[in-house]
Amino acid sequence: MLAGWIDIFGYAASGLTLATFAQRTMLPMRILAIGANVCFIGYGAMGMYLPVLALHLVLLPINLARLCTLIGPSGDRMESAQQSLIDDSPLPGASSGLL
């Protein structure tokens, strides 16, 4: 019966990941990504898939931090320096936002 639960976590995580990529805005994307991280952590821990477990243990706090900045008190305001960088960007959306 344990293999059944492992499969359920794996399919749920895969479905949430697919739903994450289908989002158009950041808030639902982060929420679904956190759900996928939790399911993948369960999948990796129960099935002893250590690379999957390690990856999602790293991604979960990143997604939580990004969600907090998105919904936090300063999440809806952008500093003028950041806004000017966006306004001067030749290709809107070309930056990944990692740097």
PDB file of N, CA and C in Angstrom:
ATOM      1  N   MET A   1       0.815  -1.204   0.000  1.00  0.00           N
ATOM      2  CA  MET A   1       0.000   0.000   0.000  1.00  0.00           C
ATOM      3  C   MET A   1       0.854   1.262   0.000  1.00  0.00           C
ATOM      4  N   LEU A   2       2.098   1.163   0.496  1.00  0.00           N
ATOM      5  CA  LEU A   2       2.983   2.313   0.526  1.00  0.00           C
ATOM      6  C   LEU A   2       3.288   2.801  -0.887  1.00  0.00           C
ATOM      7  N   ALA A   3       3.458   1.866  -1.815  1.00  0.00           N
ATOM      8  CA  ALA A   3       3.733   2.261  -3.198  1.00  0.00           C
ATOM      9  C   ALA A   3       2.573   3.075  -3.762  1.00  0.00           C
ATOM     10  N   GLY A   4       1.360   2.794  -3.345  1.00  0.00           N
ATOM     11  CA  GLY A   4       0.208   3.580  -3.786  1.00  0.00           C
ATOM     12  C   GLY A   4       0.292   5.020  -3.333  1.00  0.00           C
ATOM     13  N   TRP A   5       0.679   5.247  -2.087  1.00  0.00           N
ATOM     14  CA  TRP A   5       0.813   6.613  -1.566  1.00  0.00           C
ATOM     15  C   TRP A   5       1.953   7.348  -2.254  1.00  0.00           C
ATOM     16  N   ILE A   6       3.042   6.640  -2.520  1.00  0.00           N
ATOM     17  CA  ILE A   6       4.166   7.262  -3.223  1.00  0.00           C
ATOM     18  C   ILE A   6       3.706   7.728  -4.599  1.00  0.00           C
ATOM     19  N   ASP A   7       2.969   6.875  -5.295  1.00  0.00           N
ATOM     20  CA  ASP A   7       2.456   7.239  -6.616  1.00  0.00           C
ATOM     21  C   ASP A   7       1.498   8.419  -6.550  1.00  0.00           C
ATOM     22  N   ILE A   8       0.655   8.443  -5.530  1.00  0.00           N
ATOM     23  CA  ILE A   8      -0.286   9.551  -5.376  1.00  0.00           C
ATOM     24  C   ILE A   8       0.469  10.871  -5.202  1.00  0.00           C
ATOM     25  N   PHE A   9       1.496  10.865  -4.345  1.00  0.00           N
ATOM     26  CA  PHE A   9       2.300  12.082  -4.165  1.00  0.00           C
ATOM     27  C   PHE A   9       2.993  12.466  -5.467  1.00  0.00           C
ATOM     28  N   GLY A  10       3.508  11.489  -6.198  1.00  0.00           N
ATOM     29  CA  GLY A  10       4.197  11.774  -7.454  1.00  0.00           C
ATOM     30  C   GLY A  10       3.275  12.369  -8.496  1.00  0.00           C
ATOM     31  N   TYR A  11       2.079  11.789  -8.649  1.00  0.00           N
ATOM     32  CA  TYR A  11       1.123  12.321  -9.625  1.00  0.00           C
ATOM     33  C   TYR A  11       0.586  13.690  -9.203  1.00  0.00           C
ATOM     34  N   ALA A  12       0.352  13.870  -7.922  1.00  0.00           N
ATOM     35  CA  ALA A  12      -0.109  15.177  -7.439  1.00  0.00           C
ATOM     36  C   ALA A  12       0.958  16.242  -7.687  1.00  0.00           C
ATOM     37  N   ALA A  13       2.204  15.897  -7.401  1.00  0.00           N
ATOM     38  CA  ALA A  13       3.296  16.844  -7.620  1.00  0.00           C
ATOM     39  C   ALA A  13       3.439  17.176  -9.098  1.00  0.00           C
ATOM     40  N   SER A  14       3.312  16.170  -9.945  1.00  0.00           N
ATOM     41  CA  SER A  14       3.409  16.403 -11.387  1.00  0.00           C
ATOM     42  C   SER A  14       2.253  17.276 -11.876  1.00  0.00           C
ATOM     43  N   GLY A  15       1.055  17.017 -11.393  1.00  0.00           N
ATOM     44  CA  GLY A  15      -0.097  17.827 -11.781  1.00  0.00           C
ATOM     45  C   GLY A  15       0.029  19.266 -11.326  1.00  0.00           C
ATOM     46  N   LEU A  16       0.508  19.460 -10.109  1.00  0.00           N
ATOM     47  CA  LEU A  16       0.700  20.824  -9.609  1.00  0.00           C
ATOM     48  C   LEU A  16       1.788  21.555 -10.389  1.00  0.00           C
ATOM     49  N   THR A  17       2.834  20.835 -10.778  1.00  0.00           N
ATOM     50  CA  THR A  17       3.888  21.450 -11.581  1.00  0.00           C
ATOM     51  C   THR A  17       3.346  21.869 -12.944  1.00  0.00           C
ATOM     52  N   LEU A  18       2.549  21.014 -13.551  1.00  0.00           N
ATOM     53  CA  LEU A  18       1.925  21.361 -14.828  1.00  0.00           C
ATOM     54  C   LEU A  18       1.024  22.588 -14.672  1.00  0.00           C
ATOM     55  N   ALA A  19       0.235  22.621 -13.614  1.00  0.00           N
ATOM     56  CA  ALA A  19      -0.636  23.770 -13.354  1.00  0.00           C
ATOM     57  C   ALA A  19       0.177  25.036 -13.090  1.00  0.00           C
ATOM     58  N   THR A  20       1.336  24.892 -12.458  1.00  0.00           N
ATOM     59  CA  THR A  20       2.211  26.033 -12.197  1.00  0.00           C
ATOM     60  C   THR A  20       2.643  26.686 -13.500  1.00  0.00           C
ATOM     61  N   PHE A  21       3.029  25.874 -14.467  1.00  0.00           N
ATOM     62  CA  PHE A  21       3.483  26.415 -15.745  1.00  0.00           C
ATOM     63  C   PHE A  21       2.357  27.028 -16.563  1.00  0.00           C
ATOM     64  N   ALA A  22       1.129  26.717 -16.236  1.00  0.00           N
ATOM     65  CA  ALA A  22      -0.015  27.252 -16.978  1.00  0.00           C
ATOM     66  C   ALA A  22      -0.493  28.602 -16.441  1.00  0.00           C
ATOM     67  N   GLN A  23       0.079  29.073 -15.350  1.00  0.00           N
ATOM     68  CA  GLN A  23      -0.377  30.319 -14.736  1.00  0.00           C
ATOM     69  C   GLN A  23       0.142  31.527 -15.496  1.00  0.00           C
ATOM     70  N   ARG A  24      -0.649  32.587 -15.478  1.00  0.00           N
ATOM     71  CA  ARG A  24      -0.265  33.830 -16.146  1.00  0.00           C
ATOM     72  C   ARG A  24       0.256  34.880 -15.174  1.00  0.00           C
ATOM     73  N   THR A  25      -0.057  34.747 -13.893  1.00  0.00           N
ATOM     74  CA  THR A  25       0.394  35.734 -12.913  1.00  0.00           C
ATOM     75  C   THR A  25       1.193  35.035 -11.816  1.00  0.00           C
ATOM     76  N   MET A  26       1.972  35.825 -11.111  1.00  0.00           N
ATOM     77  CA  MET A  26       2.937  35.274 -10.164  1.00  0.00           C
ATOM     78  C   MET A  26       2.308  34.689  -8.898  1.00  0.00           C
ATOM     79  N   LEU A  27       1.258  35.296  -8.380  1.00  0.00           N
ATOM     80  CA  LEU A  27       0.700  34.823  -7.110  1.00  0.00           C
ATOM     81  C   LEU A  27       0.195  33.384  -7.199  1.00  0.00           C
ATOM     82  N   PRO A  28      -0.666  33.041  -8.144  1.00  0.00           N
ATOM     83  CA  PRO A  28      -1.080  31.640  -8.215  1.00  0.00           C
ATOM     84  C   PRO A  28       0.067  30.709  -8.605  1.00  0.00           C
ATOM     85  N   MET A  29       1.022  31.228  -9.380  1.00  0.00           N
ATOM     86  CA  MET A  29       2.163  30.400  -9.752  1.00  0.00           C
ATOM     87  C   MET A  29       2.973  30.002  -8.519  1.00  0.00           C
ATOM     88  N   ARG A  30       3.230  30.954  -7.639  1.00  0.00           N
ATOM     89  CA  ARG A  30       4.005  30.653  -6.425  1.00  0.00           C
ATOM     90  C   ARG A  30       3.239  29.702  -5.505  1.00  0.00           C
ATOM     91  N   ILE A  31       1.945  29.906  -5.368  1.00  0.00           N
ATOM     92  CA  ILE A  31       1.148  29.046  -4.488  1.00  0.00           C
ATOM     93  C   ILE A  31       1.150  27.613  -5.006  1.00  0.00           C
ATOM     94  N   LEU A  32       0.957  27.443  -6.301  1.00  0.00           N
ATOM     95  CA  LEU A  32       0.980  26.096  -6.870  1.00  0.00           C
ATOM     96  C   LEU A  32       2.377  25.482  -6.812  1.00  0.00           C
ATOM     97  N   ALA A  33       3.403  26.298  -6.993  1.00  0.00           N
ATOM     98  CA  ALA A  33       4.774  25.790  -6.914  1.00  0.00           C
ATOM     99  C   ALA A  33       5.088  25.299  -5.501  1.00  0.00           C
ATOM    100  N   ILE A  34       4.600  26.004  -4.500  1.00  0.00           N
ATOM    101  CA  ILE A  34       4.805  25.562  -3.111  1.00  0.00           C
ATOM    102  C   ILE A  34       4.085  24.240  -2.874  1.00  0.00           C
ATOM    103  N   GLY A  35       2.868  24.108  -3.387  1.00  0.00           N
ATOM    104  CA  GLY A  35       2.156  22.840  -3.275  1.00  0.00           C
ATOM    105  C   GLY A  35       2.910  21.715  -3.962  1.00  0.00           C
ATOM    106  N   ALA A  36       3.462  21.995  -5.143  1.00  0.00           N
ATOM    107  CA  ALA A  36       4.247  20.991  -5.860  1.00  0.00           C
ATOM    108  C   ALA A  36       5.496  20.632  -5.069  1.00  0.00           C
ATOM    109  N   ASN A  37       6.152  21.635  -4.465  1.00  0.00           N
ATOM    110  CA  ASN A  37       7.333  21.355  -3.648  1.00  0.00           C
ATOM    111  C   ASN A  37       7.007  20.434  -2.493  1.00  0.00           C
ATOM    112  N   VAL A  38       5.900  20.698  -1.813  1.00  0.00           N
ATOM    113  CA  VAL A  38       5.498  19.865  -0.673  1.00  0.00           C
ATOM    114  C   VAL A  38       5.220  18.434  -1.138  1.00  0.00           C
ATOM    115  N   CYS A  39       4.507  18.287  -2.240  1.00  0.00           N
ATOM    116  CA  CYS A  39       4.214  16.941  -2.753  1.00  0.00           C
ATOM    117  C   CYS A  39       5.486  16.229  -3.199  1.00  0.00           C
ATOM    118  N   PHE A  40       6.392  16.948  -3.863  1.00  0.00           N
ATOM    119  CA  PHE A  40       7.642  16.327  -4.286  1.00  0.00           C
ATOM    120  C   PHE A  40       8.518  15.955  -3.091  1.00  0.00           C
ATOM    121  N   ILE A  41       8.459  16.743  -2.022  1.00  0.00           N
ATOM    122  CA  ILE A  41       9.206  16.383  -0.812  1.00  0.00           C
ATOM    123  C   ILE A  41       8.654  15.083  -0.230  1.00  0.00           C
ATOM    124  N   GLY A  42       7.327  14.969  -0.173  1.00  0.00           N
ATOM    125  CA  GLY A  42       6.726  13.717   0.286  1.00  0.00           C
ATOM    126  C   GLY A  42       7.080  12.552  -0.614  1.00  0.00           C
ATOM    127  N   TYR A  43       7.020  12.779  -1.920  1.00  0.00           N
ATOM    128  CA  TYR A  43       7.361  11.751  -2.896  1.00  0.00           C
ATOM    129  C   TYR A  43       8.822  11.317  -2.755  1.00  0.00           C
ATOM    130  N   GLY A  44       9.704  12.290  -2.641  1.00  0.00           N
ATOM    131  CA  GLY A  44      11.128  11.980  -2.524  1.00  0.00           C
ATOM    132  C   GLY A  44      11.481  11.301  -1.219  1.00  0.00           C
ATOM    133  N   ALA A  45      10.811  11.693  -0.144  1.00  0.00           N
ATOM    134  CA  ALA A  45      11.113  11.107   1.167  1.00  0.00           C
ATOM    135  C   ALA A  45      10.564   9.686   1.280  1.00  0.00           C
ATOM    136  N   MET A  46       9.355   9.476   0.811  1.00  0.00           N
ATOM    137  CA  MET A  46       8.752   8.145   0.941  1.00  0.00           C
ATOM    138  C   MET A  46       9.352   7.151  -0.048  1.00  0.00           C
ATOM    139  N   GLY A  47       9.733   7.625  -1.218  1.00  0.00           N
ATOM    140  CA  GLY A  47      10.279   6.731  -2.225  1.00  0.00           C
ATOM    141  C   GLY A  47      11.791   6.664  -2.213  1.00  0.00           C
ATOM    142  N   MET A  48      12.396   7.402  -1.306  1.00  0.00           N
ATOM    143  CA  MET A  48      13.858   7.473  -1.211  1.00  0.00           C
ATOM    144  C   MET A  48      14.496   7.950  -2.518  1.00  0.00           C
ATOM    145  N   TYR A  49      13.882   8.954  -3.126  1.00  0.00           N
ATOM    146  CA  TYR A  49      14.433   9.581  -4.325  1.00  0.00           C
ATOM    147  C   TYR A  49      15.179  10.830  -3.869  1.00  0.00           C
ATOM    148  N   LEU A  50      16.418  10.641  -3.477  1.00  0.00           N
ATOM    149  CA  LEU A  50      17.173  11.715  -2.826  1.00  0.00           C
ATOM    150  C   LEU A  50      17.397  12.949  -3.706  1.00  0.00           C
ATOM    151  N   PRO A  51      17.676  12.819  -5.011  1.00  0.00           N
ATOM    152  CA  PRO A  51      17.829  14.048  -5.805  1.00  0.00           C
ATOM    153  C   PRO A  51      16.545  14.876  -5.860  1.00  0.00           C
ATOM    154  N   VAL A  52      15.398  14.222  -5.966  1.00  0.00           N
ATOM    155  CA  VAL A  52      14.111  14.930  -5.976  1.00  0.00           C
ATOM    156  C   VAL A  52      13.887  15.604  -4.630  1.00  0.00           C
ATOM    157  N   LEU A  53      14.159  14.877  -3.565  1.00  0.00           N
ATOM    158  CA  LEU A  53      13.996  15.422  -2.211  1.00  0.00           C
ATOM    159  C   LEU A  53      14.894  16.632  -1.997  1.00  0.00           C
ATOM    160  N   ALA A  54      16.166  16.513  -2.373  1.00  0.00           N
ATOM    161  CA  ALA A  54      17.115  17.621  -2.166  1.00  0.00           C
ATOM    162  C   ALA A  54      16.710  18.860  -2.966  1.00  0.00           C
ATOM    163  N   LEU A  55      16.324  18.655  -4.223  1.00  0.00           N
ATOM    164  CA  LEU A  55      15.942  19.782  -5.065  1.00  0.00           C
ATOM    165  C   LEU A  55      14.771  20.548  -4.470  1.00  0.00           C
ATOM    166  N   HIS A  56      13.750  19.850  -4.038  1.00  0.00           N
ATOM    167  CA  HIS A  56      12.554  20.528  -3.553  1.00  0.00           C
ATOM    168  C   HIS A  56      12.707  21.051  -2.125  1.00  0.00           C
ATOM    169  N   LEU A  57      13.641  20.487  -1.369  1.00  0.00           N
ATOM    170  CA  LEU A  57      13.970  21.084  -0.069  1.00  0.00           C
ATOM    171  C   LEU A  57      14.672  22.426  -0.254  1.00  0.00           C
ATOM    172  N   VAL A  58      15.369  22.600  -1.364  1.00  0.00           N
ATOM    173  CA  VAL A  58      15.997  23.888  -1.681  1.00  0.00           C
ATOM    174  C   VAL A  58      14.977  24.855  -2.292  1.00  0.00           C
ATOM    175  N   LEU A  59      14.117  24.341  -3.173  1.00  0.00           N
ATOM    176  CA  LEU A  59      13.152  25.209  -3.857  1.00  0.00           C
ATOM    177  C   LEU A  59      12.039  25.725  -2.956  1.00  0.00           C
ATOM    178  N   LEU A  60      11.652  24.945  -1.955  1.00  0.00           N
ATOM    179  CA  LEU A  60      10.545  25.365  -1.089  1.00  0.00           C
ATOM    180  C   LEU A  60      10.822  26.689  -0.381  1.00  0.00           C
ATOM    181  N   PRO A  61      11.957  26.865   0.302  1.00  0.00           N
ATOM    182  CA  PRO A  61      12.178  28.172   0.942  1.00  0.00           C
ATOM    183  C   PRO A  61      12.311  29.324  -0.059  1.00  0.00           C
ATOM    184  N   ILE A  62      12.818  29.032  -1.250  1.00  0.00           N
ATOM    185  CA  ILE A  62      12.907  30.079  -2.273  1.00  0.00           C
ATOM    186  C   ILE A  62      11.503  30.523  -2.679  1.00  0.00           C
ATOM    187  N   ASN A  63      10.628  29.565  -2.938  1.00  0.00           N
ATOM    188  CA  ASN A  63       9.256  29.909  -3.315  1.00  0.00           C
ATOM    189  C   ASN A  63       8.520  30.598  -2.173  1.00  0.00           C
ATOM    190  N   LEU A  64       8.748  30.167  -0.941  1.00  0.00           N
ATOM    191  CA  LEU A  64       8.109  30.827   0.205  1.00  0.00           C
ATOM    192  C   LEU A  64       8.583  32.264   0.351  1.00  0.00           C
ATOM    193  N   ALA A  65       9.887  32.488   0.188  1.00  0.00           N
ATOM    194  CA  ALA A  65      10.427  33.849   0.294  1.00  0.00           C
ATOM    195  C   ALA A  65       9.876  34.735  -0.813  1.00  0.00           C
ATOM    196  N   ARG A  66       9.810  34.210  -2.033  1.00  0.00           N
ATOM    197  CA  ARG A  66       9.265  34.994  -3.138  1.00  0.00           C
ATOM    198  C   ARG A  66       7.785  35.284  -2.941  1.00  0.00           C
ATOM    199  N   LEU A  67       7.055  34.326  -2.376  1.00  0.00           N
ATOM    200  CA  LEU A  67       5.632  34.558  -2.094  1.00  0.00           C
ATOM    201  C   LEU A  67       5.469  35.636  -1.031  1.00  0.00           C
ATOM    202  N   CYS A  68       6.304  35.589  -0.008  1.00  0.00           N
ATOM    203  CA  CYS A  68       6.229  36.615   1.052  1.00  0.00           C
ATOM    204  C   CYS A  68       6.510  38.001   0.510  1.00  0.00           C
ATOM    205  N   THR A  69       7.480  38.125  -0.394  1.00  0.00           N
ATOM    206  CA  THR A  69       7.746  39.450  -0.967  1.00  0.00           C
ATOM    207  C   THR A  69       6.613  39.880  -1.896  1.00  0.00           C
ATOM    208  N   LEU A  70       5.951  38.917  -2.475  1.00  0.00           N
ATOM    209  CA  LEU A  70       4.848  39.226  -3.381  1.00  0.00           C
ATOM    210  C   LEU A  70       3.627  39.741  -2.628  1.00  0.00           C
ATOM    211  N   ILE A  71       3.329  39.146  -1.463  1.00  0.00           N
ATOM    212  CA  ILE A  71       2.135  39.539  -0.718  1.00  0.00           C
ATOM    213  C   ILE A  71       2.443  40.419   0.484  1.00  0.00           C
ATOM    214  N   GLY A  72       3.724  40.671   0.730  1.00  0.00           N
ATOM    215  CA  GLY A  72       4.109  41.483   1.877  1.00  0.00           C
ATOM    216  C   GLY A  72       3.733  42.937   1.706  1.00  0.00           C
ATOM    217  N   PRO A  73       3.988  43.745   2.737  1.00  0.00           N
ATOM    218  CA  PRO A  73       3.590  45.155   2.696  1.00  0.00           C
ATOM    219  C   PRO A  73       4.286  45.942   1.594  1.00  0.00           C
ATOM    220  N   SER A  74       5.501  45.548   1.212  1.00  0.00           N
ATOM    221  CA  SER A  74       6.190  46.276   0.147  1.00  0.00           C
ATOM    222  C   SER A  74       6.097  45.539  -1.178  1.00  0.00           C
ATOM    223  N   GLY A  75       5.352  44.469  -1.243  1.00  0.00           N
ATOM    224  CA  GLY A  75       5.255  43.690  -2.465  1.00  0.00           C
ATOM    225  C   GLY A  75       4.535  44.390  -3.592  1.00  0.00           C
ATOM    226  N   ASP A  76       3.636  45.322  -3.249  1.00  0.00           N
ATOM    227  CA  ASP A  76       2.891  45.997  -4.301  1.00  0.00           C
ATOM    228  C   ASP A  76       3.556  47.290  -4.748  1.00  0.00           C
ATOM    229  N   ARG A  77       4.607  47.705  -4.059  1.00  0.00           N
ATOM    230  CA  ARG A  77       5.327  48.918  -4.425  1.00  0.00           C
ATOM    231  C   ARG A  77       6.712  48.555  -4.928  1.00  0.00           C
ATOM    232  N   MET A  78       7.173  49.297  -5.891  1.00  0.00           N
ATOM    233  CA  MET A  78       8.493  49.070  -6.430  1.00  0.00           C
ATOM    234  C   MET A  78       9.299  50.345  -6.230  1.00  0.00           C
ATOM    235  N   GLU A  79      10.540  50.200  -5.827  1.00  0.00           N
ATOM    236  CA  GLU A  79      11.378  51.370  -5.643  1.00  0.00           C
ATOM    237  C   GLU A  79      11.586  52.057  -6.987  1.00  0.00           C
ATOM    238  N   SER A  80      11.816  53.356  -6.942  1.00  0.00           N
ATOM    239  CA  SER A  80      11.948  54.118  -8.181  1.00  0.00           C
ATOM    240  C   SER A  80      13.157  53.661  -8.987  1.00  0.00           C
ATOM    241  N   ALA A  81      14.236  53.240  -8.331  1.00  0.00           N
ATOM    242  CA  ALA A  81      15.411  52.756  -9.058  1.00  0.00           C
ATOM    243  C   ALA A  81      15.078  51.481  -9.823  1.00  0.00           C
ATOM    244  N   GLN A  82      14.336  50.581  -9.197  1.00  0.00           N
ATOM    245  CA  GLN A  82      13.938  49.349  -9.881  1.00  0.00           C
ATOM    246  C   GLN A  82      12.994  49.666 -11.025  1.00  0.00           C
ATOM    247  N   GLN A  83      12.078  50.595 -10.821  1.00  0.00           N
ATOM    248  CA  GLN A  83      11.120  50.948 -11.859  1.00  0.00           C
ATOM    249  C   GLN A  83      11.832  51.560 -13.055  1.00  0.00           C
ATOM    250  N   SER A  84      12.860  52.395 -12.820  1.00  0.00           N
ATOM    251  CA  SER A  84      13.573  53.001 -13.940  1.00  0.00           C
ATOM    252  C   SER A  84      14.348  51.953 -14.721  1.00  0.00           C
ATOM    253  N   LEU A  85      14.849  50.933 -14.042  1.00  0.00           N
ATOM    254  CA  LEU A  85      15.528  49.852 -14.760  1.00  0.00           C
ATOM    255  C   LEU A  85      14.545  49.104 -15.656  1.00  0.00           C
ATOM    256  N   ILE A  86      13.353  48.902 -15.171  1.00  0.00           N
ATOM    257  CA  ILE A  86      12.344  48.217 -15.971  1.00  0.00           C
ATOM    258  C   ILE A  86      11.927  49.080 -17.152  1.00  0.00           C
ATOM    259  N   ASP A  87      11.754  50.380 -16.904  1.00  0.00           N
ATOM    260  CA  ASP A  87      11.339  51.285 -17.974  1.00  0.00           C
ATOM    261  C   ASP A  87      12.388  51.385 -19.066  1.00  0.00           C
ATOM    262  N   ASP A  88      13.677  51.267 -18.712  1.00  0.00           N
ATOM    263  CA  ASP A  88      14.758  51.392 -19.681  1.00  0.00           C
ATOM    264  C   ASP A  88      15.095  50.079 -20.371  1.00  0.00           C
ATOM    265  N   SER A  89      14.476  48.999 -19.975  1.00  0.00           N
ATOM    266  CA  SER A  89      14.773  47.693 -20.538  1.00  0.00           C
ATOM    267  C   SER A  89      14.311  47.622 -21.990  1.00  0.00           C
ATOM    268  N   PRO A  90      15.202  47.227 -22.911  1.00  0.00           N
ATOM    269  CA  PRO A  90      14.810  47.178 -24.314  1.00  0.00           C
ATOM    270  C   PRO A  90      13.842  46.041 -24.640  1.00  0.00           C
ATOM    271  N   LEU A  91      13.917  44.954 -23.912  1.00  0.00           N
ATOM    272  CA  LEU A  91      13.044  43.808 -24.156  1.00  0.00           C
ATOM    273  C   LEU A  91      12.253  43.495 -22.896  1.00  0.00           C
ATOM    274  N   PRO A  92      11.022  43.937 -22.800  1.00  0.00           N
ATOM    275  CA  PRO A  92      10.229  43.646 -21.602  1.00  0.00           C
ATOM    276  C   PRO A  92      10.114  42.140 -21.375  1.00  0.00           C
ATOM    277  N   GLY A  93      10.374  41.724 -20.137  1.00  0.00           N
ATOM    278  CA  GLY A  93      10.269  40.317 -19.792  1.00  0.00           C
ATOM    279  C   GLY A  93      11.496  39.507 -20.125  1.00  0.00           C
ATOM    280  N   ALA A  94      12.561  40.157 -20.661  1.00  0.00           N
ATOM    281  CA  ALA A  94      13.756  39.412 -21.049  1.00  0.00           C
ATOM    282  C   ALA A  94      14.566  38.967 -19.844  1.00  0.00           C
ATOM    283  N   SER A  95      14.465  39.688 -18.742  1.00  0.00           N
ATOM    284  CA  SER A  95      15.202  39.330 -17.543  1.00  0.00           C
ATOM    285  C   SER A  95      14.480  38.217 -16.806  1.00  0.00           C
ATOM    286  N   SER A  96      15.253  37.286 -16.276  1.00  0.00           N
ATOM    287  CA  SER A  96      14.662  36.192 -15.523  1.00  0.00           C
ATOM    288  C   SER A  96      14.325  36.612 -14.093  1.00  0.00           C
ATOM    289  N   GLY A  97      14.857  37.739 -13.641  1.00  0.00           N
ATOM    290  CA  GLY A  97      14.601  38.191 -12.290  1.00  0.00           C
ATOM    291  C   GLY A  97      15.479  37.519 -11.255  1.00  0.00           C
ATOM    292  N   LEU A  98      16.464  36.715 -11.706  1.00  0.00           N
ATOM    293  CA  LEU A  98      17.327  36.016 -10.771  1.00  0.00           C
ATOM    294  C   LEU A  98      18.410  36.922 -10.214  1.00  0.00           C
ATOM    295  N   LEU A  99      18.797  37.935 -10.958  1.00  0.00           N
ATOM    296  CA  LEU A  99      19.867  38.813 -10.493  1.00  0.00           C
ATOM    297  C   LEU A  99      19.334  40.156 -10.101  1.00  0.00           C
TER     298      LEU A  99
END
